[in-house]
């Protein structure tokens, strides 16, 4: 996940400004930022002392697919021949899932 975010970040920095309007590139970079953040959180949660519950890690993976994935697709809406506007409501659902996954993990760590 972190490797993917680095690759997508490089694409966003070097290629996307040539083909997408600036607001779309900025949104795309936001998706990259959260993809990288959740990737790092999942790596941190794999440490024995901070072990993340399986349910939390699954929710976080789903959250980043919904959040970043919808942002990536919406960033390209001006270049696509079909509408991806239906993905707009998916982004905040991904954000809520992110908060839920992080909250479950924080609760588990705090209880220990």
N, C-alpha and C. Protein backbone atom coordinates (compact mmCIF):
# COMPACT_ATOMS: atom_id res chain seq x y z
N UNK A 1 0.83 -1.18 0.00
CA UNK A 1 0.00 0.00 0.00
C UNK A 1 0.88 1.26 0.00
N UNK A 2 1.91 1.26 0.79
CA UNK A 2 2.80 2.42 0.84
C UNK A 2 3.54 2.55 -0.48
N UNK A 3 3.99 1.43 -1.03
CA UNK A 3 4.66 1.47 -2.34
C UNK A 3 3.72 2.03 -3.40
N UNK A 4 2.47 1.58 -3.41
CA UNK A 4 1.49 2.09 -4.36
C UNK A 4 1.31 3.60 -4.20
N UNK A 5 1.29 4.07 -2.96
CA UNK A 5 1.11 5.52 -2.74
C UNK A 5 2.31 6.30 -3.25
N UNK A 6 3.50 5.75 -3.13
CA UNK A 6 4.69 6.43 -3.65
C UNK A 6 4.63 6.50 -5.18
N UNK A 7 4.23 5.40 -5.80
CA UNK A 7 4.12 5.38 -7.26
C UNK A 7 3.06 6.38 -7.73
N UNK A 8 1.88 6.34 -7.10
CA UNK A 8 0.82 7.26 -7.49
C UNK A 8 1.18 8.71 -7.18
N UNK A 9 1.93 8.92 -6.11
CA UNK A 9 2.40 10.27 -5.79
C UNK A 9 3.35 10.81 -6.85
N UNK A 10 4.22 9.95 -7.35
CA UNK A 10 5.14 10.37 -8.42
C UNK A 10 4.36 10.69 -9.69
N UNK A 11 3.36 9.87 -9.99
CA UNK A 11 2.53 10.14 -11.16
C UNK A 11 1.79 11.47 -10.99
N UNK A 12 1.26 11.68 -9.79
CA UNK A 12 0.53 12.93 -9.52
C UNK A 12 1.43 14.15 -9.64
N UNK A 13 2.68 14.00 -9.25
CA UNK A 13 3.60 15.13 -9.29
C UNK A 13 4.14 15.42 -10.69
N UNK A 14 4.33 14.36 -11.47
CA UNK A 14 5.04 14.55 -12.74
C UNK A 14 4.18 14.43 -13.99
N UNK A 15 3.16 13.61 -13.96
CA UNK A 15 2.38 13.38 -15.18
C UNK A 15 1.00 14.03 -15.16
N UNK A 16 0.32 13.94 -14.04
CA UNK A 16 -1.07 14.42 -14.00
C UNK A 16 -1.22 15.92 -14.28
N UNK A 17 -0.29 16.78 -13.82
CA UNK A 17 -0.48 18.21 -14.12
C UNK A 17 -0.52 18.52 -15.62
N UNK A 18 0.00 17.61 -16.44
CA UNK A 18 -0.01 17.81 -17.89
C UNK A 18 -1.35 17.45 -18.51
N UNK A 19 -2.14 16.60 -17.82
CA UNK A 19 -3.38 16.13 -18.44
C UNK A 19 -4.66 16.47 -17.67
N UNK A 20 -4.54 16.84 -16.40
CA UNK A 20 -5.72 17.13 -15.59
C UNK A 20 -5.68 18.58 -15.09
N UNK A 21 -6.85 19.16 -14.86
CA UNK A 21 -6.87 20.51 -14.26
C UNK A 21 -6.32 20.47 -12.83
N UNK A 22 -5.81 21.59 -12.38
CA UNK A 22 -5.16 21.65 -11.06
C UNK A 22 -6.04 21.15 -9.91
N UNK A 23 -7.33 21.50 -9.84
CA UNK A 23 -8.15 20.98 -8.73
C UNK A 23 -8.21 19.44 -8.71
N UNK A 24 -8.22 18.82 -9.89
CA UNK A 24 -8.24 17.35 -9.95
C UNK A 24 -6.92 16.76 -9.45
N UNK A 25 -5.82 17.42 -9.78
CA UNK A 25 -4.51 16.94 -9.32
C UNK A 25 -4.41 17.08 -7.80
N UNK A 26 -4.91 18.17 -7.27
CA UNK A 26 -4.89 18.38 -5.82
C UNK A 26 -5.73 17.31 -5.12
N UNK A 27 -6.90 17.02 -5.66
CA UNK A 27 -7.74 15.96 -5.09
C UNK A 27 -7.04 14.61 -5.16
N UNK A 28 -6.42 14.33 -6.30
CA UNK A 28 -5.71 13.07 -6.47
C UNK A 28 -4.62 12.94 -5.41
N UNK A 29 -3.89 14.03 -5.18
CA UNK A 29 -2.83 14.01 -4.16
C UNK A 29 -3.39 13.76 -2.76
N UNK A 30 -4.59 14.26 -2.50
CA UNK A 30 -5.24 13.98 -1.21
C UNK A 30 -5.48 12.48 -1.07
N UNK A 31 -5.96 11.86 -2.13
CA UNK A 31 -6.15 10.40 -2.11
C UNK A 31 -4.85 9.67 -1.86
N UNK A 32 -3.77 10.15 -2.48
CA UNK A 32 -2.44 9.55 -2.28
C UNK A 32 -2.01 9.71 -0.82
N UNK A 33 -2.23 10.89 -0.26
CA UNK A 33 -1.83 11.14 1.13
C UNK A 33 -2.50 10.16 2.10
N UNK A 34 -3.80 9.97 1.92
CA UNK A 34 -4.52 9.07 2.82
C UNK A 34 -4.16 7.61 2.57
N UNK A 35 -3.89 7.25 1.32
CA UNK A 35 -3.42 5.91 1.02
C UNK A 35 -2.11 5.64 1.75
N UNK A 36 -1.21 6.62 1.70
CA UNK A 36 0.07 6.46 2.38
C UNK A 36 -0.09 6.42 3.90
N UNK A 37 -0.93 7.28 4.43
CA UNK A 37 -1.17 7.32 5.86
C UNK A 37 -1.70 5.97 6.37
N UNK A 38 -2.72 5.44 5.71
CA UNK A 38 -3.30 4.18 6.17
C UNK A 38 -2.32 3.04 5.97
N UNK A 39 -1.53 3.09 4.91
CA UNK A 39 -0.48 2.08 4.73
C UNK A 39 0.51 2.08 5.88
N UNK A 40 0.93 3.27 6.30
CA UNK A 40 1.85 3.38 7.43
C UNK A 40 1.20 2.95 8.74
N UNK A 41 -0.08 3.29 8.91
CA UNK A 41 -0.81 2.87 10.11
C UNK A 41 -0.90 1.35 10.18
N UNK A 42 -1.17 0.72 9.04
CA UNK A 42 -1.24 -0.75 9.02
C UNK A 42 0.12 -1.38 9.33
N UNK A 43 1.18 -0.75 8.86
CA UNK A 43 2.52 -1.25 9.19
C UNK A 43 2.78 -1.10 10.68
N UNK A 44 2.43 0.04 11.25
CA UNK A 44 2.60 0.28 12.68
C UNK A 44 1.77 -0.71 13.49
N UNK A 45 0.55 -0.97 13.01
CA UNK A 45 -0.33 -1.90 13.70
C UNK A 45 0.12 -3.34 13.65
N UNK A 46 1.10 -3.62 12.81
CA UNK A 46 1.63 -4.99 12.76
C UNK A 46 2.69 -5.25 13.83
N UNK A 47 3.12 -4.19 14.52
CA UNK A 47 4.08 -4.36 15.60
C UNK A 47 3.40 -5.08 16.77
N UNK A 48 4.12 -5.96 17.40
CA UNK A 48 3.54 -6.78 18.47
C UNK A 48 2.94 -5.93 19.59
N UNK A 49 3.64 -4.90 19.99
CA UNK A 49 3.20 -4.08 21.11
C UNK A 49 1.93 -3.27 20.77
N UNK A 50 1.75 -2.97 19.50
CA UNK A 50 0.61 -2.16 19.05
C UNK A 50 -0.33 -2.98 18.16
N UNK A 51 -0.37 -4.27 18.38
CA UNK A 51 -1.11 -5.18 17.51
C UNK A 51 -2.52 -4.68 17.22
N UNK A 52 -2.82 -4.60 15.93
CA UNK A 52 -4.11 -4.12 15.48
C UNK A 52 -5.07 -5.29 15.35
N UNK A 53 -6.29 -5.15 15.85
CA UNK A 53 -7.28 -6.21 15.67
C UNK A 53 -7.55 -6.42 14.18
N UNK A 54 -7.82 -7.65 13.80
CA UNK A 54 -8.08 -7.98 12.39
C UNK A 54 -9.24 -7.15 11.85
N UNK A 55 -10.29 -6.99 12.65
CA UNK A 55 -11.45 -6.22 12.19
C UNK A 55 -11.04 -4.78 11.87
N UNK A 56 -10.17 -4.21 12.65
CA UNK A 56 -9.71 -2.84 12.43
C UNK A 56 -8.92 -2.74 11.12
N UNK A 57 -8.03 -3.69 10.90
CA UNK A 57 -7.23 -3.65 9.67
C UNK A 57 -8.11 -3.85 8.44
N UNK A 58 -9.10 -4.70 8.52
CA UNK A 58 -10.01 -4.91 7.38
C UNK A 58 -10.84 -3.66 7.10
N UNK A 59 -11.30 -3.03 8.16
CA UNK A 59 -12.06 -1.79 7.98
C UNK A 59 -11.17 -0.71 7.36
N UNK A 60 -9.92 -0.63 7.79
CA UNK A 60 -9.01 0.38 7.24
C UNK A 60 -8.71 0.14 5.77
N UNK A 61 -8.55 -1.12 5.39
CA UNK A 61 -8.33 -1.43 3.97
C UNK A 61 -9.56 -1.03 3.16
N UNK A 62 -10.75 -1.39 3.66
CA UNK A 62 -11.98 -1.00 2.96
C UNK A 62 -12.12 0.52 2.90
N UNK A 63 -11.72 1.19 3.97
CA UNK A 63 -11.86 2.65 4.01
C UNK A 63 -10.99 3.33 2.96
N UNK A 64 -9.77 2.86 2.81
CA UNK A 64 -8.87 3.50 1.86
C UNK A 64 -9.27 3.16 0.42
N UNK A 65 -9.85 1.99 0.22
CA UNK A 65 -10.36 1.67 -1.12
C UNK A 65 -11.52 2.62 -1.46
N UNK A 66 -12.43 2.80 -0.51
CA UNK A 66 -13.56 3.71 -0.74
C UNK A 66 -13.10 5.16 -0.86
N UNK A 67 -12.30 5.61 0.09
CA UNK A 67 -11.91 7.02 0.14
C UNK A 67 -10.97 7.38 -1.02
N UNK A 68 -9.81 6.77 -1.03
CA UNK A 68 -8.82 7.12 -2.06
C UNK A 68 -9.28 6.67 -3.44
N UNK A 69 -9.86 5.48 -3.51
CA UNK A 69 -10.31 4.98 -4.81
C UNK A 69 -11.33 5.90 -5.46
N UNK A 70 -12.29 6.37 -4.68
CA UNK A 70 -13.29 7.28 -5.25
C UNK A 70 -12.68 8.62 -5.64
N UNK A 71 -11.73 9.10 -4.86
CA UNK A 71 -11.06 10.36 -5.19
C UNK A 71 -10.25 10.20 -6.48
N UNK A 72 -9.57 9.06 -6.63
CA UNK A 72 -8.79 8.83 -7.85
C UNK A 72 -9.71 8.82 -9.08
N UNK A 73 -10.81 8.10 -8.98
CA UNK A 73 -11.75 8.02 -10.11
C UNK A 73 -12.37 9.38 -10.41
N UNK A 74 -12.78 10.10 -9.37
CA UNK A 74 -13.40 11.41 -9.57
C UNK A 74 -12.41 12.42 -10.15
N UNK A 75 -11.13 12.25 -9.85
CA UNK A 75 -10.12 13.14 -10.41
C UNK A 75 -10.02 13.03 -11.92
N UNK A 76 -10.38 11.88 -12.45
CA UNK A 76 -10.32 11.65 -13.90
C UNK A 76 -11.65 11.84 -14.59
N UNK A 77 -12.66 12.34 -13.88
CA UNK A 77 -14.00 12.43 -14.47
C UNK A 77 -14.04 13.26 -15.74
N UNK A 78 -13.18 14.27 -15.85
CA UNK A 78 -13.16 15.10 -17.06
C UNK A 78 -12.58 14.36 -18.27
N UNK A 79 -11.86 13.29 -18.02
CA UNK A 79 -11.22 12.53 -19.10
C UNK A 79 -11.98 11.25 -19.45
N UNK A 80 -12.97 10.90 -18.65
CA UNK A 80 -13.70 9.65 -18.88
C UNK A 80 -14.92 9.90 -19.76
N UNK A 81 -15.28 8.89 -20.52
CA UNK A 81 -16.44 9.00 -21.42
C UNK A 81 -17.74 8.61 -20.72
N UNK A 82 -17.66 8.27 -19.45
CA UNK A 82 -18.84 7.89 -18.67
C UNK A 82 -18.80 8.64 -17.34
N UNK A 83 -19.94 8.72 -16.70
CA UNK A 83 -20.03 9.47 -15.45
C UNK A 83 -19.59 8.63 -14.25
N UNK A 84 -18.80 9.25 -13.40
CA UNK A 84 -18.40 8.61 -12.14
C UNK A 84 -18.94 9.42 -10.95
N UNK A 85 -19.89 10.29 -11.23
CA UNK A 85 -20.45 11.14 -10.18
C UNK A 85 -21.07 10.35 -9.03
N UNK A 86 -21.53 9.13 -9.33
CA UNK A 86 -22.13 8.29 -8.29
C UNK A 86 -21.12 7.95 -7.19
N UNK A 87 -19.84 8.14 -7.46
CA UNK A 87 -18.80 7.84 -6.47
C UNK A 87 -18.65 8.95 -5.43
N UNK A 88 -19.24 10.11 -5.68
CA UNK A 88 -19.13 11.24 -4.75
C UNK A 88 -19.49 10.88 -3.32
N UNK A 89 -20.62 10.20 -3.08
CA UNK A 89 -20.99 9.84 -1.70
C UNK A 89 -20.11 8.74 -1.09
N UNK A 90 -19.35 8.04 -1.92
CA UNK A 90 -18.48 6.97 -1.41
C UNK A 90 -17.30 7.55 -0.61
N UNK A 91 -16.83 8.72 -1.01
CA UNK A 91 -15.68 9.33 -0.34
C UNK A 91 -15.92 9.55 1.15
N UNK A 92 -17.02 10.20 1.55
CA UNK A 92 -17.23 10.37 3.00
C UNK A 92 -17.49 9.06 3.74
N UNK A 93 -18.08 8.09 3.04
CA UNK A 93 -18.26 6.77 3.67
C UNK A 93 -16.89 6.18 3.98
N UNK A 94 -15.95 6.32 3.04
CA UNK A 94 -14.58 5.87 3.28
C UNK A 94 -13.95 6.59 4.45
N UNK A 95 -14.21 7.89 4.57
CA UNK A 95 -13.69 8.66 5.70
C UNK A 95 -14.25 8.17 7.03
N UNK A 96 -15.55 7.87 7.05
CA UNK A 96 -16.16 7.34 8.27
C UNK A 96 -15.59 5.97 8.63
N UNK A 97 -15.39 5.13 7.62
CA UNK A 97 -14.77 3.82 7.87
C UNK A 97 -13.36 3.99 8.43
N UNK A 98 -12.64 4.98 7.92
CA UNK A 98 -11.29 5.25 8.41
C UNK A 98 -11.31 5.61 9.89
N UNK A 99 -12.24 6.49 10.25
CA UNK A 99 -12.37 6.88 11.66
C UNK A 99 -12.75 5.68 12.52
N UNK A 100 -13.63 4.84 12.01
CA UNK A 100 -14.06 3.67 12.76
C UNK A 100 -12.89 2.69 12.96
N UNK A 101 -12.16 2.40 11.90
CA UNK A 101 -11.02 1.48 12.01
C UNK A 101 -9.95 1.99 12.95
N UNK A 102 -9.65 3.29 12.85
CA UNK A 102 -8.65 3.88 13.75
C UNK A 102 -9.17 3.91 15.18
N UNK A 103 -10.45 4.17 15.35
CA UNK A 103 -11.03 4.21 16.70
C UNK A 103 -11.01 2.84 17.37
N UNK A 104 -11.33 1.81 16.62
CA UNK A 104 -11.28 0.44 17.17
C UNK A 104 -9.87 0.10 17.61
N UNK A 105 -8.90 0.45 16.77
CA UNK A 105 -7.51 0.17 17.11
C UNK A 105 -7.07 0.98 18.33
N UNK A 106 -7.43 2.25 18.37
CA UNK A 106 -7.06 3.11 19.51
C UNK A 106 -7.66 2.57 20.79
N UNK A 107 -8.90 2.13 20.74
CA UNK A 107 -9.57 1.55 21.92
C UNK A 107 -8.83 0.31 22.39
N UNK A 108 -8.41 -0.53 21.46
CA UNK A 108 -7.71 -1.77 21.82
C UNK A 108 -6.36 -1.44 22.48
N UNK A 109 -5.62 -0.48 21.90
CA UNK A 109 -4.32 -0.11 22.44
C UNK A 109 -4.49 0.55 23.81
N UNK A 110 -5.50 1.38 23.97
CA UNK A 110 -5.74 2.09 25.23
C UNK A 110 -6.12 1.12 26.34
N UNK A 111 -6.89 0.08 26.01
CA UNK A 111 -7.32 -0.89 27.00
C UNK A 111 -6.18 -1.75 27.53
N UNK A 112 -5.11 -1.88 26.79
CA UNK A 112 -4.01 -2.75 27.20
C UNK A 112 -3.16 -2.13 28.24
